[in-house]
């Protein structure tokens, strides 16, 4: 070998590994082994005293340096928690995280967050990042959730010791989905008669309080009869045994029995029964959950209704009905399938506020003007001592008792 390549020699380094080199009185150049690719070019360059140009670094699609946010996302996608998410949640989280990874750390510098080591993240970085989305605060909130998922992976991998997002608070004001007014409901019902897909979809969302995935997937064989004891009296109810699609892959979904009201029974009696699902299209096939958002917007447009009335808004409308009927928070939670009180009360806050405000102001009127509350007979208020009513002086002078 040395005869064929003058100046070539080998030696064993301190780790016991065989090394090759080109050696003269003037210089020593390390070389790859003779049986490795690139040896001949490297040897020739060493003989001529040239430097061998390094092979260009090619970034492979999706490749990331260890410890970076890009590497954290790769590990997140093979985690148990991620795999348990439903496909819609995976798509949403992927879109948001990818948007974060492609954002520049500094607007006028090419460095993006995908290439940044997670250990270099600071709270000020997060706050500045969220500030870029001040016009879309809810998107900023979801981005923060995505970043926290990546930081969680980094903590598990010991890439970082402290979570810099823990002290970041971002709670934009949230009024929830817009509930349908009575007038909008009447207008929709006048346009879409019983038996149409539009009316069936509308009825399932309103009178079962279902999300779009549950509306699309509801089957006739989920209709059951339950025996319930209420105030010591045995009663039988028809209803739907539903396992909610939300979090189904992660927790198995929440199971609910929702009774069928006379309003829903009327809709079910007229519904198309060609398919396994309660809601079917003109071909007798089920709708996809995603398509129902666009279809409801289309049906509302044909009914002459303004934009902003959604399928989820009907779910909130049922919450408002429950609140107006003075159902308890727990009753509201068990109808709509909520696990937290705050979320459940969001649906009934508006109705409760109006009712409580009227009741409160009724008491103020009774106290100040000594007039009866609504529904009470005119005369001296019961249970309180008589007194002179407040007199208003129309000429702007001081009032007197």
Foldseek 3Di string as FASTA:
>chain_A
DCVVQPQKDWDADPVRDIWIWRDDPVDIGTADDPVDPPRVVCSVCVVVVHDDDDDDDDDDVLDADPQALSVLVVVLCPDPQNVLADPVVNVVLVVLSVVQQCDALDNVDRHGRRHDGPQPDALVSLVVVCVVVPVPLVSSVSSLVSVVSSVVSCCVVVSYPDDRCPPPDRDDDDLDAAADDPVLVVLLPVVDDAAALLVLLLLCCQQQLAALQCSLPAFPVQWDKDWDQDPNDIDIFIFGFDFHPHSCSPPVGDTATRGQDPVNVSNQVNYDDQEGHRRDHPVRHTDHSVVQFVVNQVSSVVSVHDPRDGSNSSSLNNLCVCVLVVHDLVVQCRSNVDDDSVVSVSSNVVNNVVVVVLVVVQVVCCVAQVAHGPPDDGDGDPPDDDDDHWDDDPVPDDTDD
